[in-house]
Amino acid sequence: MLIKKIYGLIGKDIGYSFSRNYFNSKFKKLQILENEYINFDLKNISDFKKINLSNIYGFNVTIPYKEEIIPLLDEVSVEASIIGAVNTIKIINGKLKGYNTDHIGFSKSLKNKKYNHALIFGYGGASKAIKFSLTKSNIEFKVVSRQMRDDSINYDNLEKEILNSDLIINTTPLGTYPNIENKIPIPYNLINNKHTCYDLIYNPVKTSFLNECEKKGAIIKNGLEMLEIQAEASWDIWNS
């Protein structure tokens, strides 16, 4: 009799989830019949403690819990500690260790292309992983946030920053299905063929942000490849 090995996604309102379909398809392809990947849709991060960890070997973590999950873990990897966000959890003998594979997915998805300056929109867990990745790649950046912070700028007077940046990254949920008309409020008239516009959203495939940037001649990229790479990095961690 096969012993069930469960993996899952921790998040909120995650019926759209990429991870469940990706991993269950992977298990089927590899004929790992004892594995199953399920969603744990939590209204509050405190509900995480109610999950029965029997037969659970690992989790992925998504919006909005990548930061809130950290105090509930027994250990956090060096990279995840520096980043301040966790998107992967490995369970060994009931102990939970957090990792971050978002930065791996983002870095590899850039395919070693050189950029001089990046502009990051958003201040959540995904943004933190992007900052870590850009720092490792020696790419200068600024973060744009609606809230005034010491290490970020706001949405006012973005003209200079748009012109000085060749990589523009949306890490906010604006434009995610079903609210596909939403997009970050930037001066799109300044976008041109010198820009690469990267949206971490993958559903829809082309967000309103990417559509507007493409009209102006920019190179565009959604978050699907990053997701696939980070998912494989999670799988490697669970099996290490």
Protein backbone atom coordinates (compact mmCIF):
# COMPACT_ATOMS: atom_id res chain seq x y z
CA MET A 1 0.00 0.00 0.00
CA LEU A 2 1.36 3.41 -1.00
CA ILE A 3 1.79 5.97 1.76
CA LYS A 4 0.33 9.29 0.65
CA LYS A 5 2.82 12.16 0.39
CA ILE A 6 1.10 15.53 0.39
CA TYR A 7 2.44 18.88 -0.75
CA GLY A 8 0.42 22.06 -0.78
CA LEU A 9 0.03 25.77 -1.33
CA ILE A 10 -0.56 28.23 1.51
CA GLY A 11 -2.37 31.39 0.45
CA LYS A 12 -5.63 33.30 0.34
CA ASP A 13 -8.21 33.15 -2.46
CA ILE A 14 -6.02 30.75 -4.43
CA GLY A 15 -8.56 28.90 -6.53
CA TYR A 16 -6.68 30.18 -9.60
CA SER A 17 -3.44 28.58 -8.37
CA PHE A 18 -0.70 27.66 -10.82
CA SER A 19 1.07 25.39 -8.33
CA ARG A 20 -1.61 22.73 -7.84
CA ASN A 21 -2.02 22.03 -11.55
CA TYR A 22 1.71 22.22 -12.17
CA PHE A 23 2.73 19.75 -9.50
CA ASN A 24 -0.13 17.28 -9.95
CA SER A 25 0.68 17.19 -13.68
CA LYS A 26 4.33 16.65 -12.78
CA PHE A 27 3.49 13.79 -10.42
CA LYS A 28 1.34 12.15 -13.09
CA LYS A 29 4.05 12.51 -15.72
CA LEU A 30 6.68 11.04 -13.39
CA GLN A 31 4.20 8.34 -12.27
CA ILE A 32 4.67 9.26 -8.62
CA LEU A 33 1.28 7.91 -7.67
CA GLU A 34 1.63 8.48 -3.93
CA ASN A 35 2.11 12.25 -4.30
CA GLU A 36 -0.69 14.80 -4.25
CA TYR A 37 -0.63 18.61 -4.24
CA ILE A 38 -3.54 20.47 -2.68
CA ASN A 39 -4.48 24.06 -1.84
CA PHE A 40 -4.73 25.32 1.73
CA ASP A 41 -6.82 28.46 1.31
CA LEU A 42 -6.50 30.31 4.62
CA LYS A 43 -8.59 33.30 5.67
CA ASN A 44 -5.92 34.17 8.22
CA ILE A 45 -2.33 33.02 8.70
CA SER A 46 -3.24 31.83 12.21
CA ASP A 47 -5.24 29.06 10.52
CA PHE A 48 -1.93 27.55 9.43
CA LYS A 49 -1.52 26.07 12.91
CA LYS A 50 -4.74 24.09 12.41
CA ILE A 51 -3.32 22.11 9.49
CA ASN A 52 -2.61 18.47 10.31
CA LEU A 53 0.97 17.97 9.15
CA SER A 54 0.67 14.18 8.95
CA ASN A 55 1.91 13.00 5.54
CA ILE A 56 2.69 16.59 4.49
CA TYR A 57 6.24 16.97 3.20
CA GLY A 58 6.29 20.54 1.96
CA PHE A 59 4.44 23.73 1.16
CA ASN A 60 4.65 26.61 -1.23
CA VAL A 61 3.56 29.99 0.12
CA THR A 62 1.93 32.75 -1.90
CA ILE A 63 0.19 36.11 -1.42
CA PRO A 64 -0.42 37.37 1.22
CA TYR A 65 1.52 35.13 3.60
CA LYS A 66 5.14 35.09 2.41
CA GLU A 67 6.19 37.35 5.26
CA GLU A 68 3.58 36.44 7.88
CA ILE A 69 4.52 32.76 7.75
CA ILE A 70 8.07 33.31 9.04
CA PRO A 71 7.30 33.48 12.80
CA LEU A 72 5.47 30.14 12.52
CA LEU A 73 8.53 28.28 11.22
CA ASP A 74 11.23 26.47 13.19
CA GLU A 75 14.05 27.57 10.91
CA VAL A 76 14.65 29.84 7.92
CA SER A 77 17.39 29.56 5.30
CA VAL A 78 20.05 32.25 5.07
CA GLU A 79 18.68 33.61 1.78
CA ALA A 80 15.07 33.69 3.00
CA SER A 81 16.18 35.42 6.19
CA ILE A 82 18.00 38.13 4.23
CA ILE A 83 15.07 38.54 1.84
CA GLY A 84 12.50 38.56 4.63
CA ALA A 85 10.05 36.33 2.78
CA VAL A 86 9.42 32.60 2.43
CA ASN A 87 7.72 30.86 -0.50
CA THR A 88 8.83 27.26 0.16
CA ILE A 89 8.65 25.13 3.30
CA LYS A 90 10.26 21.75 3.85
CA ILE A 91 9.00 19.52 6.66
CA ILE A 92 11.36 17.02 8.29
CA ASN A 93 10.31 15.14 11.42
CA GLY A 94 7.65 17.72 12.13
CA LYS A 95 10.07 20.65 11.89
CA LEU A 96 9.37 23.38 9.35
CA LYS A 97 12.17 25.16 7.50
CA GLY A 98 11.49 28.09 5.19
CA TYR A 99 13.26 28.89 1.93
CA ASN A 100 12.89 31.40 -0.86
CA THR A 101 13.01 30.20 -4.47
CA ASP A 102 11.38 33.31 -5.98
CA HIS A 103 14.78 34.96 -6.34
CA ILE A 104 16.06 31.89 -8.21
CA GLY A 105 13.12 31.96 -10.60
CA PHE A 106 13.48 35.66 -11.29
CA SER A 107 17.26 35.60 -11.79
CA LYS A 108 17.20 32.67 -14.19
CA SER A 109 14.27 34.10 -16.13
CA LEU A 110 16.36 37.18 -16.99
CA LYS A 111 18.71 34.86 -18.92
CA ASN A 112 21.84 36.88 -18.05
CA LYS A 113 20.62 39.90 -19.99
CA LYS A 114 22.31 43.07 -18.76
CA TYR A 115 20.28 45.91 -17.31
CA ASN A 116 21.48 49.21 -15.90
CA HIS A 117 18.62 50.25 -13.66
CA ALA A 118 15.35 48.67 -12.55
CA LEU A 119 12.15 50.16 -11.19
CA ILE A 120 10.18 47.82 -8.92
CA PHE A 121 6.50 48.44 -8.22
CA GLY A 122 5.25 46.90 -4.98
CA TYR A 123 6.62 46.27 -1.52
CA GLY A 124 5.46 42.78 -0.62
CA GLY A 125 7.24 39.44 -0.31
CA ALA A 126 7.77 39.05 -4.05
CA SER A 127 9.30 42.52 -4.24
CA LYS A 128 11.79 41.57 -1.54
CA ALA A 129 12.94 38.55 -3.54
CA ILE A 130 13.34 40.71 -6.65
CA LYS A 131 15.46 43.21 -4.72
CA PHE A 132 17.70 40.39 -3.49
CA SER A 133 18.08 39.05 -7.02
CA LEU A 134 18.89 42.44 -8.54
CA THR A 135 21.43 43.16 -5.82
CA LYS A 136 23.20 39.86 -6.54
CA SER A 137 23.23 40.75 -10.24
CA ASN A 138 24.64 44.23 -9.55
CA ILE A 139 21.61 45.93 -11.08
CA GLU A 140 20.72 49.23 -9.44
CA PHE A 141 17.05 49.72 -8.60
CA LYS A 142 14.44 51.82 -6.89
CA VAL A 143 11.20 50.63 -5.33
CA VAL A 144 7.89 52.41 -5.87
CA SER A 145 5.30 52.08 -3.10
CA ARG A 146 1.99 53.77 -2.33
CA GLN A 147 3.10 54.18 1.28
CA MET A 148 5.96 56.52 2.11
CA ARG A 149 8.96 54.49 3.26
CA ASP A 150 12.60 55.32 3.89
CA ASP A 151 13.81 53.00 1.13
CA SER A 152 11.17 53.67 -1.53
CA ILE A 153 9.63 56.41 -3.64
CA ASN A 154 5.96 57.10 -4.30
CA TYR A 155 3.96 57.28 -7.51
CA ASP A 156 4.35 61.04 -7.87
CA ASN A 157 6.83 62.40 -10.41
CA LEU A 158 7.87 59.07 -11.92
CA GLU A 159 8.89 60.59 -15.25
CA LYS A 160 12.61 60.79 -14.44
CA GLU A 161 12.67 57.29 -12.96
CA ILE A 162 10.93 55.78 -15.99
CA LEU A 163 13.41 57.44 -18.35
CA ASN A 164 16.39 56.31 -16.25
CA SER A 165 15.25 52.67 -16.04
CA ASP A 166 15.51 49.94 -18.66
CA LEU A 167 13.76 47.25 -16.58
CA ILE A 168 10.32 47.92 -15.09
CA ILE A 169 8.88 45.24 -12.81
CA ASN A 170 5.35 44.92 -11.44
CA THR A 171 5.20 42.83 -8.27
CA THR A 172 1.76 44.11 -7.23
CA PRO A 173 -1.42 42.06 -7.80
CA LEU A 174 -2.91 44.83 -9.97
CA GLY A 175 -4.27 43.27 -13.14
CA THR A 176 -4.64 39.73 -11.81
CA TYR A 177 -7.70 37.79 -13.01
CA PRO A 178 -10.57 38.59 -12.66
CA ASN A 179 -9.67 42.30 -12.28
CA ILE A 180 -7.83 42.35 -15.58
CA GLU A 181 -8.48 46.02 -16.39
CA ASN A 182 -6.37 47.21 -13.46
CA LYS A 183 -2.77 48.30 -13.96
CA ILE A 184 -0.11 50.27 -12.14
CA PRO A 185 -0.57 54.03 -12.70
CA ILE A 186 2.58 55.10 -14.52
CA PRO A 187 3.26 57.53 -17.41
CA TYR A 188 2.96 54.94 -20.19
CA ASN A 189 3.69 57.62 -22.79
CA LEU A 190 7.35 57.46 -21.66
CA ILE A 191 7.68 53.71 -22.27
CA ASN A 192 9.66 52.87 -25.41
CA ASN A 193 11.69 50.14 -27.12
CA LYS A 194 14.55 50.61 -24.64
CA HIS A 195 12.40 49.19 -21.84
CA THR A 196 11.79 45.62 -20.73
CA CYS A 197 8.51 45.46 -18.79
CA TYR A 198 8.14 42.44 -16.53
CA ASP A 199 4.90 41.52 -14.76
CA LEU A 200 5.07 38.79 -12.13
CA ILE A 201 1.39 38.07 -12.85
CA TYR A 202 0.75 35.09 -15.14
CA ASN A 203 -3.06 35.12 -15.25
CA PRO A 204 -3.93 36.72 -17.61
CA VAL A 205 -0.97 35.92 -19.83
CA LYS A 206 -0.82 39.54 -20.95
CA THR A 207 -1.94 42.02 -18.31
CA SER A 208 -3.16 45.53 -19.02
CA PHE A 209 0.26 46.75 -17.87
CA LEU A 210 2.06 44.54 -20.38
CA ASN A 211 -0.40 45.37 -23.13
CA GLU A 212 0.16 49.10 -22.69
CA CYS A 213 3.94 48.66 -22.62
CA GLU A 214 3.90 46.48 -25.73
CA LYS A 215 1.98 49.19 -27.60
CA LYS A 216 4.87 51.55 -26.86
CA GLY A 217 7.45 49.14 -28.28
CA ALA A 218 8.76 47.64 -25.05
CA ILE A 219 9.87 44.03 -24.62
CA ILE A 220 7.34 42.36 -22.33
CA LYS A 221 7.46 39.30 -20.09
CA ASN A 222 4.96 37.73 -17.72
CA GLY A 223 5.64 35.69 -14.58
CA LEU A 224 5.02 32.18 -15.89
CA GLU A 225 8.64 31.21 -16.54
CA MET A 226 9.68 32.56 -13.14
CA LEU A 227 6.94 30.46 -11.53
CA GLU A 228 8.02 27.30 -13.31
CA ILE A 229 11.67 27.79 -12.35
CA GLN A 230 10.89 28.52 -8.70
CA ALA A 231 8.54 25.52 -8.59
CA GLU A 232 11.33 23.23 -9.77
CA ALA A 233 13.67 24.78 -7.20
CA SER A 234 11.06 24.01 -4.53
CA TRP A 235 10.87 20.42 -5.76
CA ASP A 236 14.65 20.14 -5.49
CA ILE A 237 14.51 21.39 -1.89
CA TRP A 238 11.79 18.93 -0.92
CA ASN A 239 13.85 16.09 -2.35
CA SER A 240 17.24 17.13 -0.98
